[in-house]
Amino acid sequence: MTDRAMMYQKYLYSGFSFPDSFINYVSQSELEDIEPWWLFCSSSNYVDFWCEKVRELYPERKLIPFANWRYSDDIVCFDGEDTSGNPKVYYVHAFASSGWEDRGYTDDFTEWLKIASLESARNKEERAEDDV
């Protein structure tokens, strides 16, 4: 496991393993700019904060948060109960009351990354148009 993925070690549920696509992605020396999405593994402080906060807010769910939409409470989390090695990615509106936090899911990290990249390109295009 890479250094960025190792930050999560104490928060992983029994039987859970990150998908290879996530490990390969965070193993790059420089991560792709997918702003406004932002990965928590840029700092262990963010990994610690979000993993602990999600467990506090939603103790009945086994979620492993890994990114958020900047300037919002929207985060994405791996399904920590999944032992297949290719877990779903849940969209979660953090700080919403338990039962109201769920905002859907994608089948896996690869699908989420494609969507995040498209959202990033669209967001950057809109910002560039605003600057004109």
C-alpha atoms as a PDB file:
ATOM      1  CA  MET A   1       0.000   0.000   0.000  1.00  0.00           C
ATOM      2  CA  THR A   2       1.296   3.467  -0.828  1.00  0.00           C
ATOM      3  CA  ASP A   3       1.979   6.192   1.716  1.00  0.00           C
ATOM      4  CA  ARG A   4      -1.237   8.014   0.779  1.00  0.00           C
ATOM      5  CA  ALA A   5      -3.297   4.860   1.163  1.00  0.00           C
ATOM      6  CA  MET A   6      -1.437   3.879   4.355  1.00  0.00           C
ATOM      7  CA  MET A   7      -2.903   6.955   6.072  1.00  0.00           C
ATOM      8  CA  TYR A   8      -6.175   5.009   6.189  1.00  0.00           C
ATOM      9  CA  GLN A   9      -4.781   1.819   7.710  1.00  0.00           C
ATOM     10  CA  LYS A  10      -6.256   2.270  11.202  1.00  0.00           C
ATOM     11  CA  TYR A  11      -9.686   3.114   9.745  1.00  0.00           C
ATOM     12  CA  LEU A  12     -10.148   0.109   7.463  1.00  0.00           C
ATOM     13  CA  TYR A  13     -12.816  -2.405   8.404  1.00  0.00           C
ATOM     14  CA  SER A  14     -12.045  -6.114   8.646  1.00  0.00           C
ATOM     15  CA  GLY A  15     -11.884  -7.683   5.186  1.00  0.00           C
ATOM     16  CA  PHE A  16     -11.924  -4.359   3.344  1.00  0.00           C
ATOM     17  CA  SER A  17      -9.231  -3.549   0.825  1.00  0.00           C
ATOM     18  CA  PHE A  18      -8.909  -0.559  -1.446  1.00  0.00           C
ATOM     19  CA  PRO A  19      -9.503  -1.226  -5.117  1.00  0.00           C
ATOM     20  CA  ASP A  20      -6.366  -1.427  -7.250  1.00  0.00           C
ATOM     21  CA  SER A  21      -7.651   1.542  -9.258  1.00  0.00           C
ATOM     22  CA  PHE A  22      -7.567   3.718  -6.111  1.00  0.00           C
ATOM     23  CA  ILE A  23      -4.120   2.455  -5.051  1.00  0.00           C
ATOM     24  CA  ASN A  24      -2.748   3.109  -8.541  1.00  0.00           C
ATOM     25  CA  TYR A  25      -4.313   6.555  -8.650  1.00  0.00           C
ATOM     26  CA  VAL A  26      -3.013   7.756  -5.275  1.00  0.00           C
ATOM     27  CA  SER A  27       0.405   6.178  -5.958  1.00  0.00           C
ATOM     28  CA  GLN A  28       1.165   8.737  -8.656  1.00  0.00           C
ATOM     29  CA  SER A  29       3.829  11.252  -7.692  1.00  0.00           C
ATOM     30  CA  GLU A  30       1.417  14.054  -8.602  1.00  0.00           C
ATOM     31  CA  LEU A  31      -2.322  13.619  -8.491  1.00  0.00           C
ATOM     32  CA  GLU A  32      -4.512  14.758 -11.350  1.00  0.00           C
ATOM     33  CA  ASP A  33      -6.259  18.079 -10.711  1.00  0.00           C
ATOM     34  CA  ILE A  34      -9.936  17.176 -10.396  1.00  0.00           C
ATOM     35  CA  GLU A  35     -10.960  20.327  -8.544  1.00  0.00           C
ATOM     36  CA  PRO A  36     -13.524  21.007  -7.156  1.00  0.00           C
ATOM     37  CA  TRP A  37     -13.104  17.405  -5.935  1.00  0.00           C
ATOM     38  CA  TRP A  38     -10.283  17.108  -3.462  1.00  0.00           C
ATOM     39  CA  LEU A  39      -8.725  13.947  -2.012  1.00  0.00           C
ATOM     40  CA  PHE A  40      -8.272  13.672   1.743  1.00  0.00           C
ATOM     41  CA  CYS A  41      -5.047  11.678   1.361  1.00  0.00           C
ATOM     42  CA  SER A  42      -3.181  14.904   0.606  1.00  0.00           C
ATOM     43  CA  SER A  43      -2.721  15.087   4.395  1.00  0.00           C
ATOM     44  CA  SER A  44      -3.102  12.607   7.249  1.00  0.00           C
ATOM     45  CA  ASN A  45      -4.905  15.335   9.229  1.00  0.00           C
ATOM     46  CA  TYR A  46      -7.740  15.311   6.693  1.00  0.00           C
ATOM     47  CA  VAL A  47      -7.896  11.512   6.626  1.00  0.00           C
ATOM     48  CA  ASP A  48      -8.062  11.405  10.436  1.00  0.00           C
ATOM     49  CA  PHE A  49     -10.657  14.164  10.699  1.00  0.00           C
ATOM     50  CA  TRP A  50     -13.029  12.794   8.077  1.00  0.00           C
ATOM     51  CA  CYS A  51     -12.751   9.125   9.050  1.00  0.00           C
ATOM     52  CA  GLU A  52     -13.453   9.969  12.683  1.00  0.00           C
ATOM     53  CA  LYS A  53     -16.225  12.451  11.829  1.00  0.00           C
ATOM     54  CA  VAL A  54     -18.051  10.024   9.531  1.00  0.00           C
ATOM     55  CA  ARG A  55     -17.923   7.298  12.193  1.00  0.00           C
ATOM     56  CA  GLU A  56     -19.291   9.763  14.735  1.00  0.00           C
ATOM     57  CA  LEU A  57     -22.076  11.031  12.449  1.00  0.00           C
ATOM     58  CA  TYR A  58     -23.120   7.679  10.955  1.00  0.00           C
ATOM     59  CA  PRO A  59     -22.081   4.917  13.379  1.00  0.00           C
ATOM     60  CA  GLU A  60     -24.478   2.432  11.780  1.00  0.00           C
ATOM     61  CA  ARG A  61     -22.699   2.694   8.407  1.00  0.00           C
ATOM     62  CA  LYS A  62     -19.223   1.474   7.525  1.00  0.00           C
ATOM     63  CA  LEU A  63     -17.917   4.231   5.298  1.00  0.00           C
ATOM     64  CA  ILE A  64     -14.367   5.172   4.345  1.00  0.00           C
ATOM     65  CA  PRO A  65     -14.351   8.800   3.152  1.00  0.00           C
ATOM     66  CA  PHE A  66     -11.740   9.754   0.568  1.00  0.00           C
ATOM     67  CA  ALA A  67     -12.735  13.033  -1.130  1.00  0.00           C
ATOM     68  CA  ASN A  68     -15.016  16.034  -0.923  1.00  0.00           C
ATOM     69  CA  TRP A  69     -16.498  18.665  -3.179  1.00  0.00           C
ATOM     70  CA  ARG A  70     -14.732  21.870  -2.136  1.00  0.00           C
ATOM     71  CA  TYR A  71     -16.731  24.443  -0.207  1.00  0.00           C
ATOM     72  CA  SER A  72     -19.519  21.980   0.542  1.00  0.00           C
ATOM     73  CA  ASP A  73     -20.342  19.127   2.891  1.00  0.00           C
ATOM     74  CA  ASP A  74     -20.561  16.626   0.035  1.00  0.00           C
ATOM     75  CA  ILE A  75     -18.084  13.781   0.368  1.00  0.00           C
ATOM     76  CA  VAL A  76     -17.529  10.421  -1.276  1.00  0.00           C
ATOM     77  CA  CYS A  77     -16.859   7.249   0.663  1.00  0.00           C
ATOM     78  CA  PHE A  78     -16.004   3.650  -0.061  1.00  0.00           C
ATOM     79  CA  ASP A  79     -18.409   1.007   1.210  1.00  0.00           C
ATOM     80  CA  GLY A  80     -16.342  -0.282   4.125  1.00  0.00           C
ATOM     81  CA  GLU A  81     -18.427  -3.460   4.408  1.00  0.00           C
ATOM     82  CA  ASP A  82     -17.480  -4.573   0.903  1.00  0.00           C
ATOM     83  CA  THR A  83     -14.839  -7.304   0.877  1.00  0.00           C
ATOM     84  CA  SER A  84     -14.730  -7.790  -2.916  1.00  0.00           C
ATOM     85  CA  GLY A  85     -11.770  -5.458  -3.444  1.00  0.00           C
ATOM     86  CA  ASN A  86     -13.896  -3.225  -5.691  1.00  0.00           C
ATOM     87  CA  PRO A  87     -16.360  -1.416  -3.394  1.00  0.00           C
ATOM     88  CA  LYS A  88     -19.128   0.981  -4.332  1.00  0.00           C
ATOM     89  CA  VAL A  89     -18.510   4.688  -3.862  1.00  0.00           C
ATOM     90  CA  TYR A  90     -21.259   6.472  -1.928  1.00  0.00           C
ATOM     91  CA  TYR A  91     -22.053  10.163  -2.208  1.00  0.00           C
ATOM     92  CA  VAL A  92     -22.754  11.450   1.304  1.00  0.00           C
ATOM     93  CA  HIS A  93     -23.976  14.851   2.421  1.00  0.00           C
ATOM     94  CA  ALA A  94     -21.930  15.085   5.626  1.00  0.00           C
ATOM     95  CA  PHE A  95     -23.576  16.556   8.695  1.00  0.00           C
ATOM     96  CA  ALA A  96     -27.067  15.685   7.439  1.00  0.00           C
ATOM     97  CA  SER A  97     -29.176  13.780   9.944  1.00  0.00           C
ATOM     98  CA  SER A  98     -28.636  10.048   9.885  1.00  0.00           C
ATOM     99  CA  GLY A  99     -30.869   8.564   7.214  1.00  0.00           C
ATOM    100  CA  TRP A 100     -30.798  11.760   5.129  1.00  0.00           C
ATOM    101  CA  GLU A 101     -27.117  11.733   4.227  1.00  0.00           C
ATOM    102  CA  ASP A 102     -27.266   9.326   1.276  1.00  0.00           C
ATOM    103  CA  ARG A 103     -26.961  11.001  -2.155  1.00  0.00           C
ATOM    104  CA  GLY A 104     -26.509   7.920  -4.343  1.00  0.00           C
ATOM    105  CA  TYR A 105     -23.534   5.857  -5.423  1.00  0.00           C
ATOM    106  CA  THR A 106     -21.347   4.726  -8.297  1.00  0.00           C
ATOM    107  CA  ASP A 107     -20.372   1.131  -8.881  1.00  0.00           C
ATOM    108  CA  ASP A 108     -16.681   1.657  -8.150  1.00  0.00           C
ATOM    109  CA  PHE A 109     -13.758   4.081  -7.941  1.00  0.00           C
ATOM    110  CA  THR A 110     -13.053   3.944 -11.685  1.00  0.00           C
ATOM    111  CA  GLU A 111     -16.598   5.076 -12.473  1.00  0.00           C
ATOM    112  CA  TRP A 112     -16.431   7.783  -9.792  1.00  0.00           C
ATOM    113  CA  LEU A 113     -13.100   9.083 -11.146  1.00  0.00           C
ATOM    114  CA  LYS A 114     -14.541   9.369 -14.674  1.00  0.00           C
ATOM    115  CA  ILE A 115     -17.501  11.337 -13.327  1.00  0.00           C
ATOM    116  CA  ALA A 116     -15.262  13.509 -11.125  1.00  0.00           C
ATOM    117  CA  SER A 117     -12.995  14.287 -14.091  1.00  0.00           C
ATOM    118  CA  LEU A 118     -15.984  15.322 -16.220  1.00  0.00           C
ATOM    119  CA  GLU A 119     -17.371  17.447 -13.389  1.00  0.00           C
ATOM    120  CA  SER A 120     -13.961  19.051 -12.964  1.00  0.00           C
ATOM    121  CA  ALA A 121     -13.668  19.927 -16.657  1.00  0.00           C
ATOM    122  CA  ARG A 122     -17.186  21.372 -16.676  1.00  0.00           C
ATOM    123  CA  ASN A 123     -16.520  23.375 -13.509  1.00  0.00           C
ATOM    124  CA  LYS A 124     -13.257  24.797 -14.881  1.00  0.00           C
ATOM    125  CA  GLU A 125     -14.969  25.714 -18.149  1.00  0.00           C
ATOM    126  CA  GLU A 126     -17.742  27.543 -16.284  1.00  0.00           C
ATOM    127  CA  ARG A 127     -15.186  29.431 -14.182  1.00  0.00           C
ATOM    128  CA  ALA A 128     -13.232  30.422 -17.298  1.00  0.00           C
ATOM    129  CA  GLU A 129     -16.446  31.747 -18.878  1.00  0.00           C
ATOM    130  CA  ASP A 130     -17.155  33.751 -15.716  1.00  0.00           C
ATOM    131  CA  ASP A 131     -13.694  35.334 -15.961  1.00  0.00           C
ATOM    132  CA  VAL A 132     -14.350  36.619 -19.494  1.00  0.00           C
END
